[in-house]
C-alpha cells in the first residue's frame, strides 16, 4: 500500500511541476522543462524514502532497492513521456 501511495504522490508532484511550468512560461516548452526538472527532484524524494526504510524501519538496502526502482520508474516514465509529448507540441 505504501508503494502505491508513493507512486501516486509522485504523479501528483509531476502534475504540480507541469502546472508551475505552465504558470512560469505559458508554453508547452516550459511545461516540458518542468517535467524534466521533476526527475532529479523525484530521485531525491525516493532516495530519502529508501533511507527511511533502511535506517528506521529496519529493512536492508537489498530489500529496499527494488522498491526505490519501482517508486522512481512509474512517475519517471510518465514524466519522460509528458516531456516528450510537450516538446513535440512546442
N, C-alpha and C. Protein backbone atom coordinates (compact mmCIF):
# COMPACT_ATOMS: atom_id res chain seq x y z
N UNK A 1 0.82 -1.19 0.00
CA UNK A 1 0.00 0.00 0.00
C UNK A 1 0.87 1.26 0.00
N UNK A 2 1.96 1.21 0.75
CA UNK A 2 2.85 2.38 0.82
C UNK A 2 3.47 2.68 -0.54
N UNK A 3 3.81 1.64 -1.29
CA UNK A 3 4.41 1.84 -2.61
C UNK A 3 3.42 2.57 -3.52
N UNK A 4 2.16 2.16 -3.51
CA UNK A 4 1.15 2.81 -4.34
C UNK A 4 0.96 4.27 -3.93
N UNK A 5 0.98 4.53 -2.63
CA UNK A 5 0.82 5.92 -2.17
C UNK A 5 2.00 6.78 -2.61
N UNK A 6 3.20 6.24 -2.59
CA UNK A 6 4.37 7.00 -3.03
C UNK A 6 4.29 7.26 -4.53
N UNK A 7 3.89 6.26 -5.30
CA UNK A 7 3.76 6.45 -6.75
C UNK A 7 2.69 7.49 -7.08
N UNK A 8 1.56 7.42 -6.41
CA UNK A 8 0.50 8.41 -6.63
C UNK A 8 0.98 9.79 -6.22
N UNK A 9 1.71 9.86 -5.12
CA UNK A 9 2.29 11.14 -4.70
C UNK A 9 3.26 11.69 -5.75
N UNK A 10 4.02 10.81 -6.38
CA UNK A 10 4.93 11.23 -7.44
C UNK A 10 4.20 11.76 -8.65
N UNK A 11 3.11 11.11 -9.01
CA UNK A 11 2.32 11.58 -10.15
C UNK A 11 1.67 12.94 -9.84
N UNK A 12 1.23 13.10 -8.60
CA UNK A 12 0.67 14.40 -8.19
C UNK A 12 1.75 15.47 -8.22
N UNK A 13 2.95 15.13 -7.73
CA UNK A 13 4.06 16.09 -7.75
C UNK A 13 4.43 16.44 -9.19
N UNK A 14 4.41 15.48 -10.09
CA UNK A 14 4.67 15.76 -11.50
C UNK A 14 3.63 16.74 -12.04
N UNK A 15 2.38 16.52 -11.69
CA UNK A 15 1.33 17.45 -12.11
C UNK A 15 1.56 18.85 -11.60
N UNK A 16 2.00 18.97 -10.36
CA UNK A 16 2.30 20.29 -9.80
C UNK A 16 3.46 20.94 -10.56
N UNK A 17 4.49 20.17 -10.87
CA UNK A 17 5.62 20.70 -11.63
C UNK A 17 5.16 21.22 -12.99
N UNK A 18 4.34 20.43 -13.69
CA UNK A 18 3.88 20.84 -15.02
C UNK A 18 2.99 22.08 -14.94
N UNK A 19 2.14 22.15 -13.92
CA UNK A 19 1.30 23.35 -13.74
C UNK A 19 2.17 24.57 -13.48
N UNK A 20 3.18 24.43 -12.62
CA UNK A 20 4.09 25.56 -12.39
C UNK A 20 4.85 25.92 -13.66
N UNK A 21 5.21 24.93 -14.46
CA UNK A 21 5.85 25.21 -15.75
C UNK A 21 4.95 26.03 -16.64
N UNK A 22 3.67 25.72 -16.63
CA UNK A 22 2.71 26.49 -17.42
C UNK A 22 2.61 27.92 -16.90
N UNK A 23 2.57 28.08 -15.57
CA UNK A 23 2.46 29.42 -14.99
C UNK A 23 3.71 30.26 -15.22
N UNK A 24 4.87 29.61 -15.23
CA UNK A 24 6.11 30.36 -15.42
C UNK A 24 6.36 30.71 -16.88
N UNK A 25 5.98 29.83 -17.80
CA UNK A 25 6.34 30.07 -19.18
C UNK A 25 5.19 30.15 -20.15
N UNK A 26 4.03 29.66 -19.77
CA UNK A 26 2.82 29.62 -20.60
C UNK A 26 3.05 29.01 -21.97
N UNK A 27 4.00 28.11 -22.09
CA UNK A 27 4.25 27.41 -23.36
C UNK A 27 4.44 25.92 -23.07
N UNK A 28 4.19 25.10 -24.06
CA UNK A 28 4.48 23.67 -23.89
C UNK A 28 5.96 23.39 -23.60
N UNK A 29 6.85 24.22 -24.13
CA UNK A 29 8.28 24.02 -23.87
C UNK A 29 8.60 24.23 -22.39
N UNK A 30 7.96 25.21 -21.76
CA UNK A 30 8.18 25.45 -20.33
C UNK A 30 7.62 24.29 -19.51
N UNK A 31 6.50 23.74 -19.93
CA UNK A 31 5.92 22.61 -19.23
C UNK A 31 6.81 21.37 -19.41
N UNK A 32 7.40 21.20 -20.58
CA UNK A 32 8.32 20.08 -20.81
C UNK A 32 9.56 20.22 -19.94
N UNK A 33 10.07 21.44 -19.81
CA UNK A 33 11.24 21.67 -18.95
C UNK A 33 10.91 21.34 -17.49
N UNK A 34 9.71 21.72 -17.06
CA UNK A 34 9.30 21.42 -15.69
C UNK A 34 9.21 19.91 -15.48
N UNK A 35 8.72 19.18 -16.47
CA UNK A 35 8.65 17.72 -16.36
C UNK A 35 10.05 17.13 -16.29
N UNK A 36 10.99 17.71 -17.01
CA UNK A 36 12.38 17.23 -16.95
C UNK A 36 13.01 17.56 -15.60
N UNK A 37 12.69 18.72 -15.04
CA UNK A 37 13.23 19.10 -13.73
C UNK A 37 12.64 18.25 -12.60
N UNK A 38 11.48 17.68 -12.85
CA UNK A 38 10.85 16.80 -11.88
C UNK A 38 11.72 15.57 -11.58
N UNK A 39 12.41 15.05 -12.59
CA UNK A 39 13.13 13.78 -12.44
C UNK A 39 14.20 13.80 -11.34
N UNK A 40 15.12 14.78 -11.29
CA UNK A 40 16.10 14.74 -10.20
C UNK A 40 15.47 15.00 -8.83
N UNK A 41 14.45 15.82 -8.80
CA UNK A 41 13.76 16.06 -7.52
C UNK A 41 13.10 14.78 -7.04
N UNK A 42 12.46 14.07 -7.95
CA UNK A 42 11.79 12.83 -7.58
C UNK A 42 12.81 11.77 -7.16
N UNK A 43 13.97 11.75 -7.79
CA UNK A 43 15.01 10.80 -7.39
C UNK A 43 15.44 11.06 -5.94
N UNK A 44 15.57 12.30 -5.58
CA UNK A 44 15.94 12.63 -4.19
C UNK A 44 14.83 12.19 -3.24
N UNK A 45 13.59 12.42 -3.61
CA UNK A 45 12.47 12.05 -2.74
C UNK A 45 12.44 10.53 -2.51
N UNK A 46 12.58 9.74 -3.57
CA UNK A 46 12.54 8.29 -3.38
C UNK A 46 13.80 7.78 -2.68
N UNK A 47 14.93 8.47 -2.85
CA UNK A 47 16.14 8.08 -2.13
C UNK A 47 15.97 8.32 -0.63
N UNK A 48 15.34 9.42 -0.27
CA UNK A 48 15.05 9.68 1.15
C UNK A 48 14.07 8.64 1.67
N UNK A 49 13.09 8.29 0.87
CA UNK A 49 12.14 7.25 1.26
C UNK A 49 12.87 5.93 1.52
N UNK A 50 13.83 5.60 0.67
CA UNK A 50 14.62 4.39 0.87
C UNK A 50 15.46 4.48 2.13
N UNK A 51 16.06 5.63 2.36
CA UNK A 51 16.88 5.82 3.57
C UNK A 51 16.04 5.62 4.82
N UNK A 52 14.82 6.14 4.82
CA UNK A 52 13.94 5.97 5.97
C UNK A 52 13.63 4.49 6.17
N UNK A 53 13.38 3.78 5.08
CA UNK A 53 13.11 2.35 5.19
C UNK A 53 14.29 1.57 5.73
N UNK A 54 15.50 1.97 5.36
CA UNK A 54 16.69 1.28 5.83
C UNK A 54 17.04 1.69 7.26
N UNK A 55 17.04 2.99 7.52
CA UNK A 55 17.51 3.49 8.81
C UNK A 55 16.50 3.32 9.94
N UNK A 56 15.23 3.46 9.64
CA UNK A 56 14.24 3.49 10.71
C UNK A 56 13.30 2.29 10.72
N UNK A 57 13.03 1.71 9.56
CA UNK A 57 12.10 0.59 9.51
C UNK A 57 12.80 -0.75 9.60
N UNK A 58 14.12 -0.76 9.48
CA UNK A 58 14.87 -1.98 9.66
C UNK A 58 15.04 -2.84 8.43
N UNK A 59 14.69 -2.33 7.27
CA UNK A 59 14.88 -3.10 6.04
C UNK A 59 16.33 -2.97 5.57
N UNK A 60 16.78 -3.93 4.77
CA UNK A 60 18.12 -3.84 4.22
C UNK A 60 18.07 -3.08 2.89
N UNK A 61 19.23 -2.63 2.44
CA UNK A 61 19.31 -1.94 1.16
C UNK A 61 18.86 -2.91 0.05
N UNK A 62 19.21 -4.17 0.18
CA UNK A 62 18.80 -5.18 -0.80
C UNK A 62 17.27 -5.28 -0.88
N UNK A 63 16.61 -5.15 0.25
CA UNK A 63 15.14 -5.19 0.26
C UNK A 63 14.53 -3.92 -0.31
N UNK A 64 15.15 -2.80 -0.04
CA UNK A 64 14.58 -1.51 -0.41
C UNK A 64 14.89 -1.08 -1.84
N UNK A 65 15.96 -1.59 -2.43
CA UNK A 65 16.35 -1.14 -3.78
C UNK A 65 15.28 -1.41 -4.84
N UNK A 66 14.65 -2.59 -4.88
CA UNK A 66 13.59 -2.78 -5.88
C UNK A 66 12.41 -1.83 -5.65
N UNK A 67 12.13 -1.50 -4.42
CA UNK A 67 11.05 -0.56 -4.12
C UNK A 67 11.43 0.83 -4.60
N UNK A 68 12.69 1.23 -4.40
CA UNK A 68 13.15 2.51 -4.91
C UNK A 68 13.00 2.57 -6.43
N UNK A 69 13.40 1.52 -7.11
CA UNK A 69 13.30 1.49 -8.57
C UNK A 69 11.85 1.58 -9.03
N UNK A 70 10.97 0.83 -8.41
CA UNK A 70 9.55 0.88 -8.79
C UNK A 70 8.97 2.27 -8.52
N UNK A 71 9.29 2.81 -7.35
CA UNK A 71 8.76 4.14 -7.00
C UNK A 71 9.29 5.22 -7.93
N UNK A 72 10.52 5.08 -8.40
CA UNK A 72 11.07 6.09 -9.29
C UNK A 72 10.59 5.90 -10.72
N UNK A 73 10.54 4.67 -11.18
CA UNK A 73 10.28 4.43 -12.59
C UNK A 73 8.86 4.78 -13.04
N UNK A 74 7.87 4.50 -12.24
CA UNK A 74 6.49 4.75 -12.70
C UNK A 74 6.27 6.25 -12.94
N UNK A 75 6.47 7.14 -11.95
CA UNK A 75 6.32 8.56 -12.24
C UNK A 75 7.39 9.07 -13.21
N UNK A 76 8.58 8.47 -13.18
CA UNK A 76 9.65 8.90 -14.07
C UNK A 76 9.32 8.65 -15.53
N UNK A 77 8.77 7.49 -15.82
CA UNK A 77 8.38 7.18 -17.20
C UNK A 77 7.26 8.11 -17.65
N UNK A 78 6.31 8.38 -16.78
CA UNK A 78 5.23 9.31 -17.12
C UNK A 78 5.81 10.70 -17.39
N UNK A 79 6.79 11.12 -16.59
CA UNK A 79 7.42 12.43 -16.79
C UNK A 79 8.16 12.49 -18.12
N UNK A 80 8.88 11.43 -18.47
CA UNK A 80 9.61 11.40 -19.75
C UNK A 80 8.63 11.45 -20.92
N UNK A 81 7.56 10.69 -20.84
CA UNK A 81 6.55 10.71 -21.90
C UNK A 81 5.90 12.09 -22.00
N UNK A 82 5.58 12.67 -20.85
CA UNK A 82 4.98 14.02 -20.86
C UNK A 82 5.93 15.04 -21.46
N UNK A 83 7.21 14.99 -21.07
CA UNK A 83 8.19 15.94 -21.61
C UNK A 83 8.34 15.75 -23.11
N UNK A 84 8.35 14.50 -23.56
CA UNK A 84 8.49 14.22 -24.99
C UNK A 84 7.29 14.76 -25.77
N UNK A 85 6.09 14.49 -25.26
CA UNK A 85 4.89 14.96 -25.95
C UNK A 85 4.80 16.50 -25.92
N UNK A 86 5.15 17.10 -24.81
CA UNK A 86 5.09 18.56 -24.73
C UNK A 86 6.17 19.20 -25.60
N UNK A 87 7.32 18.56 -25.74
CA UNK A 87 8.37 19.09 -26.61
C UNK A 87 7.94 19.04 -28.08
N UNK A 88 7.20 18.02 -28.43
CA UNK A 88 6.70 17.90 -29.80
C UNK A 88 5.65 18.97 -30.09
N UNK A 89 4.92 19.39 -29.05
CA UNK A 89 3.85 20.37 -29.24
C UNK A 89 4.39 21.79 -29.35
N UNK A 90 5.63 21.97 -28.91
CA UNK A 90 6.20 23.33 -28.91
C UNK A 90 6.58 23.79 -30.29
